[in-house]
Amino acid sequence: MDKNWSINETKQLFSLVYNAASEGKGLSGAFNEMAKSSGKSVNSIRNYYYSQLKLFEMMPAFSAQLGIKTVALRRESFTVFSNKEIDELIETVLKGKAEGKSVRAVIAQMAGGDKKTALRLQNKYRSMITCHRDRVKEVTDRMRKEGKAYYDPYLKRVVKDGAEEDNVSRLAEYISKLDNDQMVDVVKLLLQK
């Protein structure tokens, strides 16, 4: 979860949610609007909102002092993933991808046919791949050391038998982290004779 929230961003988020609820709209629109204006991921915003909502509900004087209005929402309990669950999710999906399965097929199997669970797992997996590269790398490093085949989501290839990365793979990973202008410069440099 992004811990770098200013008071103004927190006020903006709760204002968006309050307005959405007042208009009879769902929270997802408010979270999406906040994501556009802040650059934060929708999942991080959702997690932050619910954690702060608990705080403000326990301390209504504090939220009133900040000028934050909360709305009484019917909500299901929000279950946070444990570190172990996150690692198992990443490993299971990357192992399944190495076997030629799609992310959705692996997640559907993990969810046992429950569409809501599948969506939750898929959202968490996508968030981890996109926003938590270091964590994914820890899982893939462990899988490589254990000799497990896995799909590298950044290099877009299957790694088998604990094979160490070669220099071409390292170069490809380096280039994949560059922005477009930097990438063009590297390609021009490589094409020089």
N, C-alpha and C. Protein backbone atom coordinates (compact mmCIF):
# COMPACT_ATOMS: atom_id res chain seq x y z
N MET A 1 0.85 -1.17 0.00
CA MET A 1 0.00 0.00 0.00
C MET A 1 0.89 1.23 0.00
N ASP A 2 0.50 2.23 -0.80
CA ASP A 2 1.25 3.48 -0.87
C ASP A 2 1.03 4.24 0.43
N LYS A 3 2.09 4.46 1.18
CA LYS A 3 1.97 5.13 2.47
C LYS A 3 2.18 6.64 2.35
N ASN A 4 2.45 7.14 1.15
CA ASN A 4 2.73 8.55 0.95
C ASN A 4 1.46 9.30 0.57
N TRP A 5 0.57 9.44 1.52
CA TRP A 5 -0.67 10.16 1.31
C TRP A 5 -0.61 11.47 2.09
N SER A 6 -0.91 12.58 1.43
CA SER A 6 -0.99 13.85 2.14
C SER A 6 -2.39 13.99 2.73
N ILE A 7 -2.53 14.94 3.63
CA ILE A 7 -3.85 15.20 4.22
C ILE A 7 -4.82 15.65 3.13
N ASN A 8 -4.33 16.48 2.21
CA ASN A 8 -5.21 16.96 1.13
C ASN A 8 -5.68 15.81 0.24
N GLU A 9 -4.79 14.85 -0.05
CA GLU A 9 -5.20 13.69 -0.86
C GLU A 9 -6.23 12.86 -0.11
N THR A 10 -6.02 12.71 1.20
CA THR A 10 -6.98 11.95 2.01
C THR A 10 -8.34 12.65 2.00
N LYS A 11 -8.33 13.96 2.16
CA LYS A 11 -9.59 14.72 2.11
C LYS A 11 -10.25 14.58 0.75
N GLN A 12 -9.45 14.65 -0.32
CA GLN A 12 -9.98 14.52 -1.67
C GLN A 12 -10.64 13.15 -1.85
N LEU A 13 -9.97 12.10 -1.40
CA LEU A 13 -10.51 10.75 -1.53
C LEU A 13 -11.84 10.62 -0.80
N PHE A 14 -11.89 11.07 0.44
CA PHE A 14 -13.12 10.94 1.21
C PHE A 14 -14.23 11.82 0.65
N SER A 15 -13.87 12.96 0.07
CA SER A 15 -14.86 13.81 -0.57
C SER A 15 -15.44 13.12 -1.80
N LEU A 16 -14.58 12.50 -2.60
CA LEU A 16 -15.05 11.77 -3.79
C LEU A 16 -16.00 10.63 -3.39
N VAL A 17 -15.63 9.90 -2.34
CA VAL A 17 -16.47 8.80 -1.88
C VAL A 17 -17.80 9.33 -1.34
N TYR A 18 -17.75 10.41 -0.57
CA TYR A 18 -18.96 11.00 0.00
C TYR A 18 -19.91 11.45 -1.12
N ASN A 19 -19.34 12.12 -2.12
CA ASN A 19 -20.16 12.59 -3.25
C ASN A 19 -20.76 11.42 -4.03
N ALA A 20 -19.96 10.39 -4.25
CA ALA A 20 -20.46 9.21 -4.97
C ALA A 20 -21.61 8.56 -4.20
N ALA A 21 -21.43 8.42 -2.89
CA ALA A 21 -22.49 7.81 -2.07
C ALA A 21 -23.74 8.68 -2.07
N SER A 22 -23.56 9.99 -2.01
CA SER A 22 -24.70 10.92 -2.02
C SER A 22 -25.49 10.81 -3.32
N GLU A 23 -24.80 10.50 -4.41
CA GLU A 23 -25.44 10.37 -5.71
C GLU A 23 -25.90 8.95 -5.99
N GLY A 24 -25.73 8.05 -5.02
CA GLY A 24 -26.15 6.67 -5.18
C GLY A 24 -25.24 5.84 -6.06
N LYS A 25 -24.01 6.32 -6.25
CA LYS A 25 -23.05 5.61 -7.09
C LYS A 25 -22.15 4.73 -6.22
N GLY A 26 -21.49 3.79 -6.86
CA GLY A 26 -20.57 2.90 -6.17
C GLY A 26 -19.23 3.57 -5.91
N LEU A 27 -18.44 2.93 -5.08
CA LEU A 27 -17.13 3.48 -4.71
C LEU A 27 -16.10 3.36 -5.81
N SER A 28 -16.26 2.39 -6.70
CA SER A 28 -15.23 2.16 -7.71
C SER A 28 -14.99 3.40 -8.57
N GLY A 29 -16.05 4.14 -8.87
CA GLY A 29 -15.89 5.37 -9.65
C GLY A 29 -15.05 6.39 -8.91
N ALA A 30 -15.27 6.51 -7.60
CA ALA A 30 -14.48 7.44 -6.79
C ALA A 30 -13.02 6.99 -6.74
N PHE A 31 -12.80 5.69 -6.59
CA PHE A 31 -11.42 5.17 -6.55
C PHE A 31 -10.72 5.40 -7.89
N ASN A 32 -11.45 5.19 -8.99
CA ASN A 32 -10.87 5.39 -10.33
C ASN A 32 -10.52 6.87 -10.55
N GLU A 33 -11.41 7.75 -10.12
CA GLU A 33 -11.16 9.18 -10.28
C GLU A 33 -9.94 9.61 -9.46
N MET A 34 -9.82 9.06 -8.25
CA MET A 34 -8.66 9.37 -7.41
C MET A 34 -7.39 8.82 -8.04
N ALA A 35 -7.47 7.67 -8.66
CA ALA A 35 -6.30 7.06 -9.31
C ALA A 35 -5.82 7.97 -10.45
N LYS A 36 -6.75 8.50 -11.22
CA LYS A 36 -6.39 9.38 -12.33
C LYS A 36 -5.71 10.65 -11.84
N SER A 37 -6.24 11.23 -10.77
CA SER A 37 -5.68 12.51 -10.31
C SER A 37 -4.40 12.35 -9.49
N SER A 38 -4.23 11.18 -8.86
CA SER A 38 -3.06 11.00 -7.97
C SER A 38 -1.94 10.18 -8.57
N GLY A 39 -2.25 9.34 -9.57
CA GLY A 39 -1.24 8.45 -10.13
C GLY A 39 -1.05 7.19 -9.30
N LYS A 40 -1.85 7.01 -8.27
CA LYS A 40 -1.77 5.81 -7.43
C LYS A 40 -2.64 4.72 -8.04
N SER A 41 -2.35 3.47 -7.71
CA SER A 41 -3.15 2.37 -8.26
C SER A 41 -4.50 2.30 -7.56
N VAL A 42 -5.51 1.85 -8.29
CA VAL A 42 -6.86 1.74 -7.73
C VAL A 42 -6.85 0.82 -6.51
N ASN A 43 -6.10 -0.28 -6.58
CA ASN A 43 -6.06 -1.21 -5.44
C ASN A 43 -5.43 -0.56 -4.22
N SER A 44 -4.38 0.23 -4.40
CA SER A 44 -3.76 0.93 -3.27
C SER A 44 -4.73 1.94 -2.67
N ILE A 45 -5.46 2.62 -3.54
CA ILE A 45 -6.44 3.60 -3.06
C ILE A 45 -7.53 2.91 -2.25
N ARG A 46 -8.03 1.79 -2.77
CA ARG A 46 -9.07 1.04 -2.06
C ARG A 46 -8.57 0.59 -0.69
N ASN A 47 -7.36 0.02 -0.66
CA ASN A 47 -6.79 -0.43 0.61
C ASN A 47 -6.63 0.73 1.58
N TYR A 48 -6.11 1.85 1.10
CA TYR A 48 -5.91 3.01 1.95
C TYR A 48 -7.25 3.53 2.47
N TYR A 49 -8.24 3.61 1.60
CA TYR A 49 -9.55 4.11 2.00
C TYR A 49 -10.11 3.29 3.17
N TYR A 50 -10.10 1.97 3.02
CA TYR A 50 -10.69 1.15 4.08
C TYR A 50 -9.89 1.21 5.37
N SER A 51 -8.58 1.31 5.28
CA SER A 51 -7.78 1.41 6.51
C SER A 51 -8.06 2.74 7.21
N GLN A 52 -8.18 3.83 6.44
CA GLN A 52 -8.46 5.13 7.04
C GLN A 52 -9.90 5.22 7.53
N LEU A 53 -10.81 4.58 6.82
CA LEU A 53 -12.21 4.60 7.24
C LEU A 53 -12.35 4.00 8.64
N LYS A 54 -11.64 2.90 8.90
CA LYS A 54 -11.67 2.29 10.23
C LYS A 54 -11.18 3.28 11.28
N LEU A 55 -10.08 3.98 10.96
CA LEU A 55 -9.53 4.97 11.89
C LEU A 55 -10.53 6.08 12.14
N PHE A 56 -11.10 6.64 11.09
CA PHE A 56 -12.03 7.75 11.24
C PHE A 56 -13.32 7.33 11.95
N GLU A 57 -13.75 6.08 11.76
CA GLU A 57 -14.94 5.61 12.46
C GLU A 57 -14.66 5.45 13.96
N MET A 58 -13.42 5.08 14.31
CA MET A 58 -13.06 4.94 15.72
C MET A 58 -12.81 6.30 16.37
N MET A 59 -12.45 7.29 15.55
CA MET A 59 -12.12 8.61 16.07
C MET A 59 -12.90 9.68 15.31
N PRO A 60 -14.22 9.74 15.52
CA PRO A 60 -15.03 10.68 14.74
C PRO A 60 -14.65 12.15 14.97
N ALA A 61 -14.18 12.48 16.18
CA ALA A 61 -13.78 13.87 16.44
C ALA A 61 -12.58 14.25 15.58
N PHE A 62 -11.68 13.30 15.38
CA PHE A 62 -10.49 13.53 14.56
C PHE A 62 -10.89 13.79 13.11
N SER A 63 -11.79 12.96 12.58
CA SER A 63 -12.21 13.15 11.19
C SER A 63 -12.97 14.46 11.05
N ALA A 64 -13.78 14.83 12.05
CA ALA A 64 -14.51 16.09 12.00
C ALA A 64 -13.53 17.27 12.03
N GLN A 65 -12.49 17.16 12.84
CA GLN A 65 -11.48 18.22 12.93
C GLN A 65 -10.78 18.42 11.57
N LEU A 66 -10.58 17.32 10.84
CA LEU A 66 -9.95 17.41 9.51
C LEU A 66 -10.94 17.82 8.42
N GLY A 67 -12.23 17.82 8.78
CA GLY A 67 -13.25 18.15 7.79
C GLY A 67 -13.57 16.99 6.86
N ILE A 68 -13.36 15.78 7.35
CA ILE A 68 -13.60 14.59 6.54
C ILE A 68 -14.94 13.98 6.95
N LYS A 69 -15.81 13.82 5.96
CA LYS A 69 -17.11 13.19 6.21
C LYS A 69 -17.03 11.74 5.77
N THR A 70 -17.47 10.86 6.64
CA THR A 70 -17.54 9.44 6.26
C THR A 70 -19.00 9.10 6.01
N VAL A 71 -19.20 8.08 5.22
CA VAL A 71 -20.56 7.63 4.95
C VAL A 71 -20.71 6.22 5.49
N ALA A 72 -21.89 5.97 6.03
CA ALA A 72 -22.17 4.62 6.52
C ALA A 72 -22.45 3.77 5.30
N LEU A 73 -21.51 2.90 4.99
CA LEU A 73 -21.65 2.05 3.82
C LEU A 73 -21.88 0.61 4.23
N ARG A 74 -22.72 -0.04 3.47
CA ARG A 74 -22.80 -1.49 3.64
C ARG A 74 -21.60 -2.05 2.94
N ARG A 75 -20.77 -2.73 3.66
CA ARG A 75 -19.59 -3.29 3.02
C ARG A 75 -19.30 -4.65 3.62
N GLU A 76 -18.79 -5.48 2.77
CA GLU A 76 -18.36 -6.79 3.25
C GLU A 76 -17.02 -6.61 3.93
N SER A 77 -16.67 -7.54 4.77
CA SER A 77 -15.38 -7.43 5.42
C SER A 77 -14.29 -7.49 4.36
N PHE A 78 -13.31 -6.64 4.52
CA PHE A 78 -12.22 -6.52 3.56
C PHE A 78 -11.06 -7.34 4.10
N THR A 79 -10.72 -8.39 3.39
CA THR A 79 -9.67 -9.29 3.84
C THR A 79 -8.37 -8.96 3.13
N VAL A 80 -7.35 -8.65 3.92
CA VAL A 80 -6.05 -8.32 3.37
C VAL A 80 -5.26 -9.61 3.16
N PHE A 81 -4.49 -9.68 2.09
CA PHE A 81 -3.65 -10.83 1.81
C PHE A 81 -2.48 -10.87 2.80
N SER A 82 -2.17 -12.05 3.28
CA SER A 82 -0.96 -12.21 4.10
C SER A 82 0.24 -12.30 3.16
N ASN A 83 1.43 -12.09 3.70
CA ASN A 83 2.64 -12.20 2.88
C ASN A 83 2.76 -13.60 2.28
N LYS A 84 2.41 -14.61 3.07
CA LYS A 84 2.49 -15.99 2.58
C LYS A 84 1.52 -16.20 1.42
N GLU A 85 0.31 -15.67 1.53
CA GLU A 85 -0.68 -15.81 0.46
C GLU A 85 -0.21 -15.10 -0.82
N ILE A 86 0.42 -13.95 -0.66
CA ILE A 86 0.92 -13.21 -1.82
C ILE A 86 2.00 -14.02 -2.52
N ASP A 87 2.96 -14.54 -1.75
CA ASP A 87 4.04 -15.33 -2.34
C ASP A 87 3.50 -16.59 -3.02
N GLU A 88 2.54 -17.26 -2.38
CA GLU A 88 1.95 -18.46 -2.98
C GLU A 88 1.20 -18.13 -4.26
N LEU A 89 0.50 -17.00 -4.28
CA LEU A 89 -0.22 -16.58 -5.48
C LEU A 89 0.75 -16.34 -6.62
N ILE A 90 1.80 -15.58 -6.37
CA ILE A 90 2.79 -15.28 -7.41
C ILE A 90 3.41 -16.58 -7.91
N GLU A 91 3.84 -17.43 -6.98
CA GLU A 91 4.51 -18.68 -7.37
C GLU A 91 3.57 -19.58 -8.17
N THR A 92 2.36 -19.73 -7.73
CA THR A 92 1.41 -20.61 -8.41
C THR A 92 1.13 -20.13 -9.83
N VAL A 93 0.93 -18.83 -9.99
CA VAL A 93 0.64 -18.30 -11.32
C VAL A 93 1.86 -18.43 -12.24
N LEU A 94 3.04 -18.08 -11.73
CA LEU A 94 4.24 -18.15 -12.57
C LEU A 94 4.60 -19.59 -12.93
N LYS A 95 4.33 -20.52 -12.02
CA LYS A 95 4.54 -21.94 -12.30
C LYS A 95 3.55 -22.40 -13.38
N GLY A 96 2.29 -22.02 -13.24
CA GLY A 96 1.27 -22.38 -14.22
C GLY A 96 1.57 -21.81 -15.60
N LYS A 97 2.03 -20.56 -15.64
CA LYS A 97 2.40 -19.94 -16.91
C LYS A 97 3.55 -20.70 -17.57
N ALA A 98 4.50 -21.18 -16.77
CA ALA A 98 5.63 -21.96 -17.31
C ALA A 98 5.13 -23.27 -17.92
N GLU A 99 3.99 -23.76 -17.43
CA GLU A 99 3.40 -25.00 -17.96
C GLU A 99 2.48 -24.72 -19.14
N GLY A 100 2.40 -23.46 -19.57
CA GLY A 100 1.60 -23.11 -20.74
C GLY A 100 0.17 -22.69 -20.44
N LYS A 101 -0.18 -22.53 -19.16
CA LYS A 101 -1.53 -22.12 -18.80
C LYS A 101 -1.61 -20.59 -18.80
N SER A 102 -2.81 -20.07 -18.97
CA SER A 102 -3.01 -18.62 -18.89
C SER A 102 -3.15 -18.22 -17.42
N VAL A 103 -2.94 -16.94 -17.16
CA VAL A 103 -3.11 -16.41 -15.81
C VAL A 103 -4.53 -16.68 -15.33
N ARG A 104 -5.49 -16.42 -16.19
CA ARG A 104 -6.90 -16.62 -15.80
C ARG A 104 -7.21 -18.08 -15.49
N ALA A 105 -6.64 -18.99 -16.27
CA ALA A 105 -6.89 -20.42 -16.02
C ALA A 105 -6.31 -20.84 -14.68
N VAL A 106 -5.11 -20.38 -14.37
CA VAL A 106 -4.48 -20.73 -13.09
C VAL A 106 -5.30 -20.16 -11.94
N ILE A 107 -5.70 -18.90 -12.08
CA ILE A 107 -6.45 -18.25 -11.01
C ILE A 107 -7.83 -18.87 -10.86
N ALA A 108 -8.48 -19.23 -11.97
CA ALA A 108 -9.79 -19.89 -11.89
C ALA A 108 -9.68 -21.19 -11.11
N GLN A 109 -8.60 -21.92 -11.36
CA GLN A 109 -8.39 -23.18 -10.64
C GLN A 109 -8.15 -22.90 -9.14
N MET A 110 -7.36 -21.88 -8.84
CA MET A 110 -7.10 -21.52 -7.44
C MET A 110 -8.40 -21.11 -6.73
N ALA A 111 -9.29 -20.41 -7.46
CA ALA A 111 -10.52 -19.89 -6.88
C ALA A 111 -11.61 -20.95 -6.76
N GLY A 112 -11.38 -22.11 -7.35
CA GLY A 112 -12.37 -23.18 -7.25
C GLY A 112 -13.72 -22.81 -7.83
N GLY A 113 -13.73 -21.98 -8.88
CA GLY A 113 -14.98 -21.62 -9.53
C GLY A 113 -15.68 -20.41 -8.94
N ASP A 114 -15.16 -19.86 -7.85
CA ASP A 114 -15.76 -18.68 -7.23
C ASP A 114 -15.27 -17.43 -7.97
N LYS A 115 -16.18 -16.77 -8.70
CA LYS A 115 -15.79 -15.63 -9.54
C LYS A 115 -15.28 -14.45 -8.73
N LYS A 116 -15.85 -14.23 -7.57
CA LYS A 116 -15.42 -13.11 -6.73
C LYS A 116 -14.00 -13.34 -6.22
N THR A 117 -13.73 -14.57 -5.80
CA THR A 117 -12.38 -14.91 -5.35
C THR A 117 -11.40 -14.81 -6.50
N ALA A 118 -11.81 -15.26 -7.68
CA ALA A 118 -10.94 -15.20 -8.85
C ALA A 118 -10.58 -13.74 -9.18
N LEU A 119 -11.56 -12.86 -9.13
CA LEU A 119 -11.30 -11.45 -9.41
C LEU A 119 -10.34 -10.86 -8.37
N ARG A 120 -10.55 -11.20 -7.12
CA ARG A 120 -9.68 -10.72 -6.05
C ARG A 120 -8.24 -11.19 -6.27
N LEU A 121 -8.07 -12.48 -6.60
CA LEU A 121 -6.74 -13.04 -6.85
C LEU A 121 -6.09 -12.40 -8.08
N GLN A 122 -6.88 -12.25 -9.14
CA GLN A 122 -6.33 -11.67 -10.36
C GLN A 122 -5.90 -10.23 -10.13
N ASN A 123 -6.71 -9.45 -9.42
CA ASN A 123 -6.35 -8.07 -9.14
C ASN A 123 -5.06 -7.99 -8.32
N LYS A 124 -4.94 -8.87 -7.34
CA LYS A 124 -3.74 -8.85 -6.50
C LYS A 124 -2.52 -9.26 -7.32
N TYR A 125 -2.66 -10.28 -8.15
CA TYR A 125 -1.54 -10.72 -8.98
C TYR A 125 -1.09 -9.59 -9.90
N ARG A 126 -2.03 -8.97 -10.60
CA ARG A 126 -1.69 -7.88 -11.53
C ARG A 126 -1.02 -6.72 -10.79
N SER A 127 -1.54 -6.40 -9.61
CA SER A 127 -0.95 -5.33 -8.81
C SER A 127 0.49 -5.66 -8.42
N MET A 128 0.73 -6.89 -8.03
CA MET A 128 2.08 -7.30 -7.62
C MET A 128 3.04 -7.22 -8.81
N ILE A 129 2.62 -7.71 -9.97
CA ILE A 129 3.48 -7.69 -11.15
C ILE A 129 3.79 -6.25 -11.57
N THR A 130 2.80 -5.39 -11.50
CA THR A 130 2.95 -4.02 -11.96
C THR A 130 3.68 -3.12 -10.96
N CYS A 131 3.33 -3.25 -9.69
CA CYS A 131 3.79 -2.28 -8.69
C CYS A 131 4.83 -2.80 -7.70
N HIS A 132 5.05 -4.09 -7.66
CA HIS A 132 5.93 -4.66 -6.62
C HIS A 132 6.95 -5.62 -7.24
N ARG A 133 7.70 -5.09 -8.19
CA ARG A 133 8.67 -5.89 -8.94
C ARG A 133 9.69 -6.57 -8.01
N ASP A 134 10.15 -5.86 -6.97
CA ASP A 134 11.14 -6.44 -6.06
C ASP A 134 10.59 -7.68 -5.36
N ARG A 135 9.33 -7.63 -4.97
CA ARG A 135 8.70 -8.77 -4.30
C ARG A 135 8.59 -9.95 -5.26
N VAL A 136 8.20 -9.69 -6.49
CA VAL A 136 8.09 -10.75 -7.51
C VAL A 136 9.47 -11.35 -7.74
N LYS A 137 10.49 -10.50 -7.79
CA LYS A 137 11.86 -10.97 -8.01
C LYS A 137 12.31 -11.89 -6.88
N GLU A 138 11.93 -11.56 -5.64
CA GLU A 138 12.26 -12.44 -4.51
C GLU A 138 11.66 -13.83 -4.72
N VAL A 139 10.42 -13.88 -5.16
CA VAL A 139 9.76 -15.17 -5.39
C VAL A 139 10.44 -15.92 -6.53
N THR A 140 10.73 -15.24 -7.63
CA THR A 140 11.35 -15.93 -8.76
C THR A 140 12.78 -16.37 -8.42
N ASP A 141 13.50 -15.57 -7.66
CA ASP A 141 14.86 -15.97 -7.23
C ASP A 141 14.80 -17.25 -6.41
N ARG A 142 13.82 -17.31 -5.50
CA ARG A 142 13.67 -18.52 -4.67
C ARG A 142 13.30 -19.72 -5.54
N MET A 143 12.39 -19.52 -6.49
CA MET A 143 11.98 -20.62 -7.37
C MET A 143 13.17 -21.11 -8.19
N ARG A 144 13.98 -20.17 -8.69
CA ARG A 144 15.16 -20.54 -9.49
C ARG A 144 16.12 -21.36 -8.64
N LYS A 145 16.39 -20.91 -7.41
CA LYS A 145 17.32 -21.62 -6.51
C LYS A 145 16.81 -23.02 -6.17
N GLU A 146 15.47 -23.16 -6.11
CA GLU A 146 14.87 -24.47 -5.81
C GLU A 146 14.75 -25.34 -7.06
N GLY A 147 15.15 -24.82 -8.21
CA GLY A 147 15.10 -25.58 -9.46
C GLY A 147 13.71 -25.71 -10.05
N LYS A 148 12.80 -24.81 -9.65
CA LYS A 148 11.43 -24.86 -10.17
C LYS A 148 11.34 -24.02 -11.44
N ALA A 149 10.63 -24.55 -12.43
CA ALA A 149 10.39 -23.79 -13.66
C ALA A 149 9.36 -22.71 -13.36
N TYR A 150 9.57 -21.53 -13.93
CA TYR A 150 8.63 -20.43 -13.75
C TYR A 150 8.67 -19.53 -14.98
N TYR A 151 7.63 -18.75 -15.12
CA TYR A 151 7.56 -17.77 -16.21
C TYR A 151 8.02 -16.43 -15.65
N ASP A 152 8.99 -15.81 -16.32
CA ASP A 152 9.47 -14.49 -15.91
C ASP A 152 8.56 -13.46 -16.58
N PRO A 153 7.73 -12.75 -15.78
CA PRO A 153 6.76 -11.83 -16.38
C PRO A 153 7.38 -10.57 -16.97
N TYR A 154 8.64 -10.31 -16.67
CA TYR A 154 9.29 -9.10 -17.17
C TYR A 154 10.11 -9.38 -18.43
N LEU A 155 10.76 -10.53 -18.46
CA LEU A 155 11.53 -10.90 -19.64
C LEU A 155 10.70 -11.71 -20.62
N LYS A 156 9.49 -12.07 -20.20
CA LYS A 156 8.53 -12.79 -21.05
C LYS A 156 9.11 -14.11 -21.55
N ARG A 157 9.64 -14.89 -20.62
CA ARG A 157 10.21 -16.19 -21.01
C ARG A 157 10.12 -17.15 -19.83
N VAL A 158 10.21 -18.44 -20.16
CA VAL A 158 10.18 -19.49 -19.14
C VAL A 158 11.62 -19.76 -18.71
N VAL A 159 11.82 -19.86 -17.40
CA VAL A 159 13.12 -20.19 -16.84
C VAL A 159 13.00 -21.61 -16.28
N LYS A 160 13.89 -22.50 -16.72
CA LYS A 160 13.82 -23.90 -16.29
C LYS A 160 15.10 -24.32 -15.60
N ASP A 161 14.99 -25.33 -14.76
CA ASP A 161 16.13 -25.98 -14.13
C ASP A 161 17.04 -25.02 -13.38
N GLY A 162 16.48 -23.98 -12.82
CA GLY A 162 17.28 -23.05 -12.03
C GLY A 162 18.34 -22.33 -12.82
N ALA A 163 18.13 -22.19 -14.12
CA ALA A 163 19.15 -21.57 -14.99
C ALA A 163 19.41 -20.13 -14.56
N GLU A 164 20.66 -19.80 -14.46
CA GLU A 164 21.05 -18.43 -14.16
C GLU A 164 20.76 -17.56 -15.38
N GLU A 165 20.50 -16.30 -15.14
CA GLU A 165 20.28 -15.39 -16.25
C GLU A 165 21.59 -15.18 -17.00
N ASP A 166 21.51 -15.11 -18.31
CA ASP A 166 22.69 -14.81 -19.10
C ASP A 166 22.75 -13.30 -19.37
N ASN A 167 23.83 -12.86 -20.00
CA ASN A 167 23.99 -11.43 -20.23
C ASN A 167 22.93 -10.86 -21.16
N VAL A 168 22.47 -11.65 -22.12
CA VAL A 168 21.42 -11.17 -23.03
C VAL A 168 20.14 -10.93 -22.23
N SER A 169 19.82 -11.84 -21.32
CA SER A 169 18.63 -11.66 -20.48
C SER A 169 18.76 -10.44 -19.59
N ARG A 170 19.94 -10.25 -19.04
CA ARG A 170 20.16 -9.07 -18.19
C ARG A 170 20.03 -7.78 -19.00
N LEU A 171 20.57 -7.79 -20.22
CA LEU A 171 20.45 -6.62 -21.08
C LEU A 171 18.98 -6.36 -21.43
N ALA A 172 18.25 -7.41 -21.74
CA ALA A 172 16.83 -7.27 -22.06
C ALA A 172 16.06 -6.69 -20.88
N GLU A 173 16.38 -7.16 -19.68
CA GLU A 173 15.72 -6.63 -18.48
C GLU A 173 16.07 -5.17 -18.29
N TYR A 174 17.34 -4.82 -18.47
CA TYR A 174 17.76 -3.42 -18.33
C TYR A 174 17.01 -2.54 -19.32
N ILE A 175 16.95 -2.97 -20.57
CA ILE A 175 16.28 -2.19 -21.61
C ILE A 175 14.79 -2.06 -21.31
N SER A 176 14.19 -3.11 -20.75
CA SER A 176 12.75 -3.06 -20.46
C SER A 176 12.41 -2.02 -19.40
N LYS A 177 13.38 -1.62 -18.60
CA LYS A 177 13.14 -0.62 -17.54
C LYS A 177 13.28 0.81 -18.04
N LEU A 178 13.77 0.99 -19.27
CA LEU A 178 14.00 2.32 -19.80
C LEU A 178 12.71 2.92 -20.35
N ASP A 179 12.66 4.27 -20.36
CA ASP A 179 11.52 4.89 -21.02
C ASP A 179 11.78 4.86 -22.53
N ASN A 180 10.81 5.29 -23.33
CA ASN A 180 10.91 5.16 -24.79
C ASN A 180 12.12 5.88 -25.37
N ASP A 181 12.38 7.11 -24.92
CA ASP A 181 13.52 7.87 -25.45
C ASP A 181 14.84 7.18 -25.14
N GLN A 182 14.97 6.69 -23.90
CA GLN A 182 16.19 6.00 -23.51
C GLN A 182 16.36 4.71 -24.33
N MET A 183 15.25 4.02 -24.56
CA MET A 183 15.30 2.78 -25.32
C MET A 183 15.77 3.03 -26.76
N VAL A 184 15.27 4.10 -27.36
CA VAL A 184 15.69 4.46 -28.73
C VAL A 184 17.19 4.73 -28.75
N ASP A 185 17.69 5.45 -27.74
CA ASP A 185 19.13 5.74 -27.67
C ASP A 185 19.95 4.46 -27.57
N VAL A 186 19.51 3.51 -26.76
CA VAL A 186 20.25 2.24 -26.60
C VAL A 186 20.24 1.47 -27.91
N VAL A 187 19.09 1.40 -28.58
CA VAL A 187 19.02 0.67 -29.85
C VAL A 187 19.93 1.32 -30.89
N LYS A 188 19.94 2.66 -30.95
CA LYS A 188 20.85 3.35 -31.88
C LYS A 188 22.31 3.01 -31.56
N LEU A 189 22.63 2.98 -30.27
CA LEU A 189 24.00 2.66 -29.86
C LEU A 189 24.37 1.24 -30.29
N LEU A 190 23.45 0.30 -30.13
CA LEU A 190 23.71 -1.09 -30.48
C LEU A 190 23.85 -1.28 -31.99
N LEU A 191 23.18 -0.43 -32.77
CA LEU A 191 23.21 -0.55 -34.23
C LEU A 191 24.42 0.13 -34.87
N GLN A 192 25.15 0.93 -34.08
CA GLN A 192 26.34 1.60 -34.62
C GLN A 192 27.41 0.57 -35.00
N LYS A 193 28.13 0.86 -36.05
CA LYS A 193 29.17 -0.07 -36.50
C LYS A 193 30.53 0.39 -36.08
